[in-house]
Amino acid sequence: LRSTLDSLKADLENMGPPTDSVTVWPLTSEVDLKDKALRLVTEAQKFL
């Protein structure tokens, strides 16, 4: 799964212009909120 997801991520990111900068993604459950918050902290490179 890790290998497949890494490959899929690379392929998808090359398919068109990025949408992250113009999109606001909803969080509607406690599980989604906790998961995204934790991933943001672990992926940080400079400051929080």
All heavy atoms as atom14 arrays in JSON, in Angstrom:
{
  "sequence": "LRSTLDSLKADLENMGPPTDSVTVWPLTSEVDLKDKALRLVTEAQKFL",
  "atom14_mask": [
    [1, 1, 1, 1, 1, 1, 1, 1, 0, 0, 0, 0, 0, 0],
    [1, 1, 1, 1, 1, 1, 1, 1, 1, 1, 1, 0, 0, 0],
    [1, 1, 1, 1, 1, 1, 0, 0, 0, 0, 0, 0, 0, 0],
    [1, 1, 1, 1, 1, 1, 1, 0, 0, 0, 0, 0, 0, 0],
    [1, 1, 1, 1, 1, 1, 1, 1, 0, 0, 0, 0, 0, 0],
    [1, 1, 1, 1, 1, 1, 1, 1, 0, 0, 0, 0, 0, 0],
    [1, 1, 1, 1, 1, 1, 0, 0, 0, 0, 0, 0, 0, 0],
    [1, 1, 1, 1, 1, 1, 1, 1, 0, 0, 0, 0, 0, 0],
    [1, 1, 1, 1, 1, 1, 1, 1, 1, 0, 0, 0, 0, 0],
    [1, 1, 1, 1, 1, 0, 0, 0, 0, 0, 0, 0, 0, 0],
    [1, 1, 1, 1, 1, 1, 1, 1, 0, 0, 0, 0, 0, 0],
    [1, 1, 1, 1, 1, 1, 1, 1, 0, 0, 0, 0, 0, 0],
    [1, 1, 1, 1, 1, 1, 1, 1, 1, 0, 0, 0, 0, 0],
    [1, 1, 1, 1, 1, 1, 1, 1, 0, 0, 0, 0, 0, 0],
    [1, 1, 1, 1, 1, 1, 1, 1, 0, 0, 0, 0, 0, 0],
    [1, 1, 1, 1, 0, 0, 0, 0, 0, 0, 0, 0, 0, 0],
    [1, 1, 1, 1, 1, 1, 1, 0, 0, 0, 0, 0, 0, 0],
    [1, 1, 1, 1, 1, 1, 1, 0, 0, 0, 0, 0, 0, 0],
    [1, 1, 1, 1, 1, 1, 1, 0, 0, 0, 0, 0, 0, 0],
    [1, 1, 1, 1, 1, 1, 1, 1, 0, 0, 0, 0, 0, 0],
    [1, 1, 1, 1, 1, 1, 0, 0, 0, 0, 0, 0, 0, 0],
    [1, 1, 1, 1, 1, 1, 1, 0, 0, 0, 0, 0, 0, 0],
    [1, 1, 1, 1, 1, 1, 1, 0, 0, 0, 0, 0, 0, 0],
    [1, 1, 1, 1, 1, 1, 1, 0, 0, 0, 0, 0, 0, 0],
    [1, 1, 1, 1, 1, 1, 1, 1, 1, 1, 1, 1, 1, 1],
    [1, 1, 1, 1, 1, 1, 1, 0, 0, 0, 0, 0, 0, 0],
    [1, 1, 1, 1, 1, 1, 1, 1, 0, 0, 0, 0, 0, 0],
    [1, 1, 1, 1, 1, 1, 1, 0, 0, 0, 0, 0, 0, 0],
    [1, 1, 1, 1, 1, 1, 0, 0, 0, 0, 0, 0, 0, 0],
    [1, 1, 1, 1, 1, 1, 1, 1, 1, 0, 0, 0, 0, 0],
    [1, 1, 1, 1, 1, 1, 1, 0, 0, 0, 0, 0, 0, 0],
    [1, 1, 1, 1, 1, 1, 1, 1, 0, 0, 0, 0, 0, 0],
    [1, 1, 1, 1, 1, 1, 1, 1, 0, 0, 0, 0, 0, 0],
    [1, 1, 1, 1, 1, 1, 1, 1, 1, 0, 0, 0, 0, 0],
    [1, 1, 1, 1, 1, 1, 1, 1, 0, 0, 0, 0, 0, 0],
    [1, 1, 1, 1, 1, 1, 1, 1, 1, 0, 0, 0, 0, 0],
    [1, 1, 1, 1, 1, 0, 0, 0, 0, 0, 0, 0, 0, 0],
    [1, 1, 1, 1, 1, 1, 1, 1, 0, 0, 0, 0, 0, 0],
    [1, 1, 1, 1, 1, 1, 1, 1, 1, 1, 1, 0, 0, 0],
    [1, 1, 1, 1, 1, 1, 1, 1, 0, 0, 0, 0, 0, 0],
    [1, 1, 1, 1, 1, 1, 1, 0, 0, 0, 0, 0, 0, 0],
    [1, 1, 1, 1, 1, 1, 1, 0, 0, 0, 0, 0, 0, 0],
    [1, 1, 1, 1, 1, 1, 1, 1, 1, 0, 0, 0, 0, 0],
    [1, 1, 1, 1, 1, 0, 0, 0, 0, 0, 0, 0, 0, 0],
    [1, 1, 1, 1, 1, 1, 1, 1, 1, 0, 0, 0, 0, 0],
    [1, 1, 1, 1, 1, 1, 1, 1, 1, 0, 0, 0, 0, 0],
    [1, 1, 1, 1, 1, 1, 1, 1, 1, 1, 1, 0, 0, 0],
    [1, 1, 1, 1, 1, 1, 1, 1, 0, 0, 0, 0, 0, 0]
  ],
  "atom14_positions": [
    [[0.82, -1.2, 0.0], [0.0, 0.0, 0.0], [0.85, 1.26, 0.0], [0.56, 2.23, -0.71], [-0.92, 0.0, 1.22], [-2.13, -0.92, 1.16], [-2.87, -0.9, 2.49], [-3.07, -0.52, 0.04], [0.0, 0.0, 0.0], [0.0, 0.0, 0.0], [0.0, 0.0, 0.0], [0.0, 0.0, 0.0], [0.0, 0.0, 0.0], [0.0, 0.0, 0.0]],
    [[1.92, 1.26, 0.8], [2.78, 2.43, 0.85], [3.42, 2.69, -0.52], [3.45, 3.82, -1.0], [3.88, 2.22, 1.91], [4.76, 3.45, 2.11], [5.84, 3.2, 3.13], [5.3, 2.94, 4.45], [5.38, 1.77, 5.07], [5.99, 0.75, 4.49], [4.86, 1.62, 6.27], [0.0, 0.0, 0.0], [0.0, 0.0, 0.0], [0.0, 0.0, 0.0]],
    [[3.9, 1.63, -1.14], [4.53, 1.78, -2.46], [3.5, 2.25, -3.5], [3.78, 3.14, -4.31], [5.13, 0.44, -2.89], [5.68, 0.54, -4.19], [0.0, 0.0, 0.0], [0.0, 0.0, 0.0], [0.0, 0.0, 0.0], [0.0, 0.0, 0.0], [0.0, 0.0, 0.0], [0.0, 0.0, 0.0], [0.0, 0.0, 0.0], [0.0, 0.0, 0.0]],
    [[2.31, 1.66, -3.45], [1.26, 2.03, -4.41], [0.83, 3.47, -4.22], [0.67, 4.23, -5.19], [0.04, 1.11, -4.24], [0.43, -0.24, -4.5], [-1.07, 1.5, -5.21], [0.0, 0.0, 0.0], [0.0, 0.0, 0.0], [0.0, 0.0, 0.0], [0.0, 0.0, 0.0], [0.0, 0.0, 0.0], [0.0, 0.0, 0.0], [0.0, 0.0, 0.0]],
    [[0.63, 3.89, -2.96], [0.19, 5.25, -2.69], [1.25, 6.27, -3.07], [0.93, 7.36, -3.57], [-0.2, 5.39, -1.22], [-1.48, 4.66, -0.81], [-1.67, 4.72, 0.7], [-2.69, 5.26, -1.52], [0.0, 0.0, 0.0], [0.0, 0.0, 0.0], [0.0, 0.0, 0.0], [0.0, 0.0, 0.0], [0.0, 0.0, 0.0], [0.0, 0.0, 0.0]],
    [[2.52, 5.95, -2.81], [3.6, 6.87, -3.2], [3.61, 7.05, -4.71], [3.77, 8.18, -5.22], [4.95, 6.33, -2.72], [5.13, 6.45, -1.22], [4.34, 7.19, -0.59], [6.04, 5.81, -0.67], [0.0, 0.0, 0.0], [0.0, 0.0, 0.0], [0.0, 0.0, 0.0], [0.0, 0.0, 0.0], [0.0, 0.0, 0.0], [0.0, 0.0, 0.0]],
    [[3.47, 5.95, -5.43], [3.46, 6.02, -6.89], [2.23, 6.76, -7.39], [2.32, 7.6, -8.3], [3.49, 4.6, -7.48], [3.42, 4.64, -8.88], [0.0, 0.0, 0.0], [0.0, 0.0, 0.0], [0.0, 0.0, 0.0], [0.0, 0.0, 0.0], [0.0, 0.0, 0.0], [0.0, 0.0, 0.0], [0.0, 0.0, 0.0], [0.0, 0.0, 0.0]],
    [[1.08, 6.48, -6.77], [-0.16, 7.15, -7.18], [-0.09, 8.65, -6.93], [-0.52, 9.46, -7.77], [-1.34, 6.55, -6.4], [-2.73, 7.12, -6.7], [-3.1, 6.88, -8.16], [-3.76, 6.48, -5.78], [0.0, 0.0, 0.0], [0.0, 0.0, 0.0], [0.0, 0.0, 0.0], [0.0, 0.0, 0.0], [0.0, 0.0, 0.0], [0.0, 0.0, 0.0]],
    [[0.47, 9.04, -5.8], [0.6, 10.45, -5.48], [1.45, 11.17, -6.53], [1.07, 12.25, -7.02], [1.24, 10.63, -4.1], [1.44, 12.08, -3.7], [2.11, 12.18, -2.34], [2.36, 13.64, -1.96], [3.07, 13.76, -0.66], [0.0, 0.0, 0.0], [0.0, 0.0, 0.0], [0.0, 0.0, 0.0], [0.0, 0.0, 0.0], [0.0, 0.0, 0.0]],
    [[2.57, 10.57, -6.88], [3.45, 11.19, -7.88], [2.75, 11.32, -9.22], [2.85, 12.36, -9.9], [4.73, 10.37, -8.02], [0.0, 0.0, 0.0], [0.0, 0.0, 0.0], [0.0, 0.0, 0.0], [0.0, 0.0, 0.0], [0.0, 0.0, 0.0], [0.0, 0.0, 0.0], [0.0, 0.0, 0.0], [0.0, 0.0, 0.0], [0.0, 0.0, 0.0]],
    [[2.03, 10.28, -9.62], [1.34, 10.32, -10.91], [0.21, 11.36, -10.91], [0.05, 12.11, -11.87], [0.76, 8.95, -11.24], [1.83, 7.93, -11.57], [2.97, 8.36, -11.89], [1.55, 6.73, -11.5], [0.0, 0.0, 0.0], [0.0, 0.0, 0.0], [0.0, 0.0, 0.0], [0.0, 0.0, 0.0], [0.0, 0.0, 0.0], [0.0, 0.0, 0.0]],
    [[-0.57, 11.41, -9.83], [-1.69, 12.33, -9.78], [-1.24, 13.78, -9.74], [-1.89, 14.67, -10.31], [-2.57, 12.02, -8.56], [-3.34, 10.7, -8.6], [-4.09, 10.49, -7.29], [-4.3, 10.66, -9.78], [0.0, 0.0, 0.0], [0.0, 0.0, 0.0], [0.0, 0.0, 0.0], [0.0, 0.0, 0.0], [0.0, 0.0, 0.0], [0.0, 0.0, 0.0]],
    [[-0.13, 14.03, -9.05], [0.35, 15.41, -8.96], [0.84, 15.94, -10.29], [0.98, 17.16, -10.47], [1.46, 15.49, -7.91], [0.94, 15.37, -6.47], [2.06, 15.39, -5.45], [3.23, 15.22, -5.85], [1.75, 15.55, -4.25], [0.0, 0.0, 0.0], [0.0, 0.0, 0.0], [0.0, 0.0, 0.0], [0.0, 0.0, 0.0], [0.0, 0.0, 0.0]],
    [[1.12, 15.03, -11.23], [1.59, 15.46, -12.54], [0.47, 15.55, -13.57], [0.71, 15.79, -14.75], [2.65, 14.47, -13.06], [3.93, 14.55, -12.26], [4.32, 15.62, -11.82], [4.59, 13.42, -12.09], [0.0, 0.0, 0.0], [0.0, 0.0, 0.0], [0.0, 0.0, 0.0], [0.0, 0.0, 0.0], [0.0, 0.0, 0.0], [0.0, 0.0, 0.0]],
    [[-0.78, 15.37, -13.16], [-1.89, 15.3, -14.1], [-2.53, 16.65, -14.41], [-3.37, 16.76, -15.29], [-2.97, 14.35, -13.58], [-2.55, 12.9, -13.62], [-3.9, 11.79, -13.18], [-5.02, 12.04, -14.55], [0.0, 0.0, 0.0], [0.0, 0.0, 0.0], [0.0, 0.0, 0.0], [0.0, 0.0, 0.0], [0.0, 0.0, 0.0], [0.0, 0.0, 0.0]],
    [[-2.19, 17.7, -13.67], [-2.8, 18.98, -13.96], [-2.39, 20.02, -12.95], [-1.6, 19.75, -12.03], [0.0, 0.0, 0.0], [0.0, 0.0, 0.0], [0.0, 0.0, 0.0], [0.0, 0.0, 0.0], [0.0, 0.0, 0.0], [0.0, 0.0, 0.0], [0.0, 0.0, 0.0], [0.0, 0.0, 0.0], [0.0, 0.0, 0.0], [0.0, 0.0, 0.0]],
    [[-2.91, 21.24, -13.07], [-2.56, 22.3, -12.14], [-3.04, 21.98, -10.74], [-4.08, 21.35, -10.56], [-3.28, 23.53, -12.71], [-4.41, 22.96, -13.51], [-3.88, 21.67, -14.07], [0.0, 0.0, 0.0], [0.0, 0.0, 0.0], [0.0, 0.0, 0.0], [0.0, 0.0, 0.0], [0.0, 0.0, 0.0], [0.0, 0.0, 0.0], [0.0, 0.0, 0.0]],
    [[-2.31, 22.39, -9.7], [-2.72, 22.1, -8.33], [-4.01, 22.82, -7.99], [-4.25, 23.94, -8.42], [-1.55, 22.62, -7.49], [-0.9, 23.65, -8.36], [-1.06, 23.17, -9.76], [0.0, 0.0, 0.0], [0.0, 0.0, 0.0], [0.0, 0.0, 0.0], [0.0, 0.0, 0.0], [0.0, 0.0, 0.0], [0.0, 0.0, 0.0], [0.0, 0.0, 0.0]],
    [[-4.86, 22.13, -7.19], [-6.13, 22.72, -6.76], [-6.11, 23.11, -5.29], [-7.03, 23.77, -4.83], [-7.28, 21.74, -7.0], [-7.03, 20.53, -6.25], [-7.4, 21.39, -8.47], [0.0, 0.0, 0.0], [0.0, 0.0, 0.0], [0.0, 0.0, 0.0], [0.0, 0.0, 0.0], [0.0, 0.0, 0.0], [0.0, 0.0, 0.0], [0.0, 0.0, 0.0]],
    [[-5.09, 22.69, -4.57], [-5.04, 22.95, -3.13], [-5.13, 24.43, -2.81], [-5.74, 24.85, -1.83], [-3.75, 22.39, -2.52], [-3.88, 20.89, -2.24], [-4.98, 20.37, -2.42], [-2.88, 20.29, -1.85], [0.0, 0.0, 0.0], [0.0, 0.0, 0.0], [0.0, 0.0, 0.0], [0.0, 0.0, 0.0], [0.0, 0.0, 0.0], [0.0, 0.0, 0.0]],
    [[-4.52, 25.27, -3.66], [-4.43, 26.69, -3.34], [-5.75, 27.42, -3.49], [-5.89, 28.56, -3.04], [-3.38, 27.36, -4.22], [-3.74, 27.24, -5.58], [0.0, 0.0, 0.0], [0.0, 0.0, 0.0], [0.0, 0.0, 0.0], [0.0, 0.0, 0.0], [0.0, 0.0, 0.0], [0.0, 0.0, 0.0], [0.0, 0.0, 0.0], [0.0, 0.0, 0.0]],
    [[-6.72, 26.8, -4.14], [-8.01, 27.49, -4.33], [-9.17, 26.73, -3.69], [-10.31, 27.16, -3.8], [-8.29, 27.68, -5.84], [-7.26, 28.57, -6.47], [-8.36, 26.33, -6.57], [0.0, 0.0, 0.0], [0.0, 0.0, 0.0], [0.0, 0.0, 0.0], [0.0, 0.0, 0.0], [0.0, 0.0, 0.0], [0.0, 0.0, 0.0], [0.0, 0.0, 0.0]],
    [[-8.89, 25.63, -3.03], [-9.95, 24.78, -2.49], [-9.92, 24.76, -0.98], [-8.86, 24.68, -0.37], [-9.81, 23.34, -3.02], [-9.8, 23.36, -4.44], [-10.96, 22.47, -2.54], [0.0, 0.0, 0.0], [0.0, 0.0, 0.0], [0.0, 0.0, 0.0], [0.0, 0.0, 0.0], [0.0, 0.0, 0.0], [0.0, 0.0, 0.0], [0.0, 0.0, 0.0]],
    [[-11.1, 24.85, -0.38], [-11.26, 24.67, 1.06], [-11.95, 23.33, 1.27], [-13.08, 23.11, 0.8], [-12.09, 25.8, 1.68], [-12.3, 25.56, 3.17], [-11.4, 27.15, 1.46], [0.0, 0.0, 0.0], [0.0, 0.0, 0.0], [0.0, 0.0, 0.0], [0.0, 0.0, 0.0], [0.0, 0.0, 0.0], [0.0, 0.0, 0.0], [0.0, 0.0, 0.0]],
    [[-11.26, 22.42, 1.97], [-11.77, 21.06, 2.14], [-12.49, 20.92, 3.48], [-11.94, 21.28, 4.51], [-10.62, 20.06, 2.06], [-9.85, 20.14, 0.78], [-8.7, 20.81, 0.56], [-10.21, 19.53, -0.46], [-8.3, 20.66, -0.74], [-9.21, 19.88, -1.4], [-11.28, 18.71, -0.86], [-9.25, 19.44, -2.71], [-11.31, 18.27, -2.18], [-10.31, 18.64, -3.08]],
    [[-13.72, 20.4, 3.49], [-14.49, 20.32, 4.73], [-13.98, 19.22, 5.66], [-13.43, 18.21, 5.23], [-15.91, 20.01, 4.25], [-15.7, 19.28, 2.95], [-14.49, 19.91, 2.32], [0.0, 0.0, 0.0], [0.0, 0.0, 0.0], [0.0, 0.0, 0.0], [0.0, 0.0, 0.0], [0.0, 0.0, 0.0], [0.0, 0.0, 0.0], [0.0, 0.0, 0.0]],
    [[-14.19, 19.44, 6.96], [-13.96, 18.44, 8.0], [-15.27, 18.32, 8.77], [-15.71, 19.27, 9.4], [-12.83, 18.89, 8.93], [-11.44, 19.01, 8.3], [-10.5, 19.76, 9.22], [-10.88, 17.63, 7.98], [0.0, 0.0, 0.0], [0.0, 0.0, 0.0], [0.0, 0.0, 0.0], [0.0, 0.0, 0.0], [0.0, 0.0, 0.0], [0.0, 0.0, 0.0]],
    [[-15.88, 17.14, 8.72], [-17.23, 17.0, 9.27], [-17.36, 15.95, 10.36], [-18.47, 15.69, 10.82], [-18.22, 16.66, 8.14], [-17.78, 15.45, 7.48], [-18.29, 17.78, 7.11], [0.0, 0.0, 0.0], [0.0, 0.0, 0.0], [0.0, 0.0, 0.0], [0.0, 0.0, 0.0], [0.0, 0.0, 0.0], [0.0, 0.0, 0.0], [0.0, 0.0, 0.0]],
    [[-16.25, 15.36, 10.76], [-16.33, 14.36, 11.84], [-15.12, 14.48, 12.75], [-14.07, 15.01, 12.34], [-16.39, 12.93, 11.27], [-15.12, 12.54, 10.76], [0.0, 0.0, 0.0], [0.0, 0.0, 0.0], [0.0, 0.0, 0.0], [0.0, 0.0, 0.0], [0.0, 0.0, 0.0], [0.0, 0.0, 0.0], [0.0, 0.0, 0.0], [0.0, 0.0, 0.0]],
    [[-15.26, 13.99, 13.95], [-14.17, 14.04, 14.92], [-12.97, 13.24, 14.42], [-11.82, 13.64, 14.58], [-14.64, 13.5, 16.26], [-13.6, 13.6, 17.37], [-14.1, 13.05, 18.69], [-15.08, 12.28, 18.67], [-13.52, 13.39, 19.73], [0.0, 0.0, 0.0], [0.0, 0.0, 0.0], [0.0, 0.0, 0.0], [0.0, 0.0, 0.0], [0.0, 0.0, 0.0]],
    [[-13.24, 12.1, 13.78], [-12.15, 11.27, 13.27], [-11.38, 12.01, 12.18], [-10.14, 12.03, 12.19], [-12.71, 9.94, 12.71], [-11.6, 9.15, 12.0], [-13.31, 9.1, 13.83], [0.0, 0.0, 0.0], [0.0, 0.0, 0.0], [0.0, 0.0, 0.0], [0.0, 0.0, 0.0], [0.0, 0.0, 0.0], [0.0, 0.0, 0.0], [0.0, 0.0, 0.0]],
    [[-12.1, 12.63, 11.25], [-11.42, 13.38, 10.18], [-10.6, 14.53, 10.75], [-9.48, 14.79, 10.3], [-12.46, 13.95, 9.2], [-13.06, 12.87, 8.31], [-12.48, 11.78, 8.23], [-14.13, 13.13, 7.72], [0.0, 0.0, 0.0], [0.0, 0.0, 0.0], [0.0, 0.0, 0.0], [0.0, 0.0, 0.0], [0.0, 0.0, 0.0], [0.0, 0.0, 0.0]],
    [[-11.16, 15.22, 11.74], [-10.46, 16.36, 12.34], [-9.18, 15.91, 13.02], [-8.1, 16.5, 12.8], [-11.38, 17.07, 13.34], [-10.75, 18.22, 14.13], [-10.31, 19.33, 13.19], [-11.74, 18.75, 15.16], [0.0, 0.0, 0.0], [0.0, 0.0, 0.0], [0.0, 0.0, 0.0], [0.0, 0.0, 0.0], [0.0, 0.0, 0.0], [0.0, 0.0, 0.0]],
    [[-9.26, 14.88, 13.85], [-8.08, 14.4, 14.56], [-7.01, 13.89, 13.59], [-5.81, 14.16, 13.77], [-8.47, 13.3, 15.54], [-9.25, 13.79, 16.75], [-9.54, 12.65, 17.71], [-10.26, 13.14, 18.95], [-10.53, 12.05, 19.91], [0.0, 0.0, 0.0], [0.0, 0.0, 0.0], [0.0, 0.0, 0.0], [0.0, 0.0, 0.0], [0.0, 0.0, 0.0]],
    [[-7.45, 13.17, 12.57], [-6.51, 12.61, 11.61], [-5.78, 13.73, 10.85], [-4.55, 13.7, 10.71], [-7.24, 11.7, 10.63], [-6.32, 11.14, 9.56], [-5.44, 10.33, 9.91], [-6.47, 11.51, 8.38], [0.0, 0.0, 0.0], [0.0, 0.0, 0.0], [0.0, 0.0, 0.0], [0.0, 0.0, 0.0], [0.0, 0.0, 0.0], [0.0, 0.0, 0.0]],
    [[-6.54, 14.72, 10.37], [-5.91, 15.79, 9.6], [-5.01, 16.65, 10.49], [-3.9, 17.03, 10.07], [-6.99, 16.67, 8.96], [-6.43, 17.74, 8.03], [-5.62, 17.12, 6.9], [-4.99, 18.16, 6.0], [-4.17, 17.55, 4.92], [0.0, 0.0, 0.0], [0.0, 0.0, 0.0], [0.0, 0.0, 0.0], [0.0, 0.0, 0.0], [0.0, 0.0, 0.0]],
    [[-5.46, 16.95, 11.71], [-4.65, 17.78, 12.61], [-3.32, 17.09, 12.92], [-2.26, 17.73, 12.9], [-5.42, 18.05, 13.9], [0.0, 0.0, 0.0], [0.0, 0.0, 0.0], [0.0, 0.0, 0.0], [0.0, 0.0, 0.0], [0.0, 0.0, 0.0], [0.0, 0.0, 0.0], [0.0, 0.0, 0.0], [0.0, 0.0, 0.0], [0.0, 0.0, 0.0]],
    [[-3.36, 15.8, 13.19], [-2.13, 15.07, 13.51], [-1.2, 15.01, 12.3], [0.01, 15.18, 12.43], [-2.48, 13.65, 13.98], [-1.29, 12.8, 14.44], [-0.56, 13.47, 15.58], [-1.77, 11.41, 14.85], [0.0, 0.0, 0.0], [0.0, 0.0, 0.0], [0.0, 0.0, 0.0], [0.0, 0.0, 0.0], [0.0, 0.0, 0.0], [0.0, 0.0, 0.0]],
    [[-1.76, 14.82, 11.11], [-0.92, 14.78, 9.91], [-0.28, 16.14, 9.63], [0.87, 16.22, 9.19], [-1.74, 14.31, 8.7], [-1.94, 12.81, 8.69], [-2.51, 12.31, 7.38], [-3.91, 12.65, 7.25], [-4.43, 13.28, 6.22], [-3.65, 13.69, 5.23], [-5.72, 13.53, 6.15], [0.0, 0.0, 0.0], [0.0, 0.0, 0.0], [0.0, 0.0, 0.0]],
    [[-1.0, 17.22, 9.91], [-0.42, 18.54, 9.72], [0.79, 18.73, 10.62], [1.82, 19.27, 10.2], [-1.46, 19.62, 9.99], [-2.56, 19.8, 8.95], [-3.49, 20.93, 9.36], [-1.98, 20.07, 7.56], [0.0, 0.0, 0.0], [0.0, 0.0, 0.0], [0.0, 0.0, 0.0], [0.0, 0.0, 0.0], [0.0, 0.0, 0.0], [0.0, 0.0, 0.0]],
    [[0.68, 18.31, 11.88], [1.8, 18.46, 12.81], [2.99, 17.62, 12.36], [4.13, 18.09, 12.34], [1.37, 18.08, 14.24], [2.58, 18.09, 15.18], [0.3, 19.04, 14.75], [0.0, 0.0, 0.0], [0.0, 0.0, 0.0], [0.0, 0.0, 0.0], [0.0, 0.0, 0.0], [0.0, 0.0, 0.0], [0.0, 0.0, 0.0], [0.0, 0.0, 0.0]],
    [[2.75, 16.37, 12.0], [3.85, 15.48, 11.64], [4.51, 15.87, 10.32], [5.67, 15.54, 10.09], [3.37, 14.02, 11.57], [2.27, 13.92, 10.63], [2.88, 13.55, 12.94], [0.0, 0.0, 0.0], [0.0, 0.0, 0.0], [0.0, 0.0, 0.0], [0.0, 0.0, 0.0], [0.0, 0.0, 0.0], [0.0, 0.0, 0.0], [0.0, 0.0, 0.0]],
    [[3.77, 16.57, 9.45], [4.33, 16.97, 8.16], [4.99, 18.34, 8.19], [5.61, 18.76, 7.2], [3.22, 16.96, 7.1], [2.68, 15.57, 6.79], [1.43, 15.6, 5.92], [1.02, 16.72, 5.52], [0.87, 14.53, 5.66], [0.0, 0.0, 0.0], [0.0, 0.0, 0.0], [0.0, 0.0, 0.0], [0.0, 0.0, 0.0], [0.0, 0.0, 0.0]],
    [[4.89, 19.05, 9.31], [5.45, 20.4, 9.41], [6.97, 20.37, 9.24], [7.65, 19.45, 9.71], [5.09, 21.02, 10.75], [0.0, 0.0, 0.0], [0.0, 0.0, 0.0], [0.0, 0.0, 0.0], [0.0, 0.0, 0.0], [0.0, 0.0, 0.0], [0.0, 0.0, 0.0], [0.0, 0.0, 0.0], [0.0, 0.0, 0.0], [0.0, 0.0, 0.0]],
    [[7.49, 21.41, 8.58], [8.93, 21.5, 8.33], [9.6, 22.66, 9.05], [10.79, 22.59, 9.36], [9.17, 21.65, 6.82], [8.65, 20.5, 5.98], [9.4, 19.22, 6.25], [10.63, 19.2, 6.35], [8.67, 18.12, 6.39], [0.0, 0.0, 0.0], [0.0, 0.0, 0.0], [0.0, 0.0, 0.0], [0.0, 0.0, 0.0], [0.0, 0.0, 0.0]],
    [[8.84, 23.74, 9.35], [9.46, 24.94, 9.9], [8.81, 25.4, 11.2], [9.49, 25.58, 12.2], [9.42, 26.07, 8.87], [10.16, 25.77, 7.58], [10.0, 26.91, 6.58], [10.71, 26.62, 5.28], [10.51, 27.7, 4.28], [0.0, 0.0, 0.0], [0.0, 0.0, 0.0], [0.0, 0.0, 0.0], [0.0, 0.0, 0.0], [0.0, 0.0, 0.0]],
    [[7.49, 25.62, 11.18], [6.86, 26.15, 12.4], [5.38, 25.75, 12.47], [4.75, 25.41, 11.47], [7.0, 27.68, 12.48], [6.41, 28.42, 11.31], [5.06, 28.73, 11.25], [7.23, 28.85, 10.27], [4.52, 29.42, 10.18], [6.71, 29.56, 9.19], [5.34, 29.84, 9.15], [0.0, 0.0, 0.0], [0.0, 0.0, 0.0], [0.0, 0.0, 0.0]],
    [[4.88, 25.8, 13.72], [3.49, 25.43, 14.01], [2.84, 26.53, 14.84], [3.4, 26.97, 15.84], [3.43, 24.13, 14.84], [4.16, 22.88, 14.34], [4.23, 21.87, 15.48], [3.42, 22.29, 13.18], [0.0, 0.0, 0.0], [0.0, 0.0, 0.0], [0.0, 0.0, 0.0], [0.0, 0.0, 0.0], [0.0, 0.0, 0.0], [0.0, 0.0, 0.0]]
  ]
}
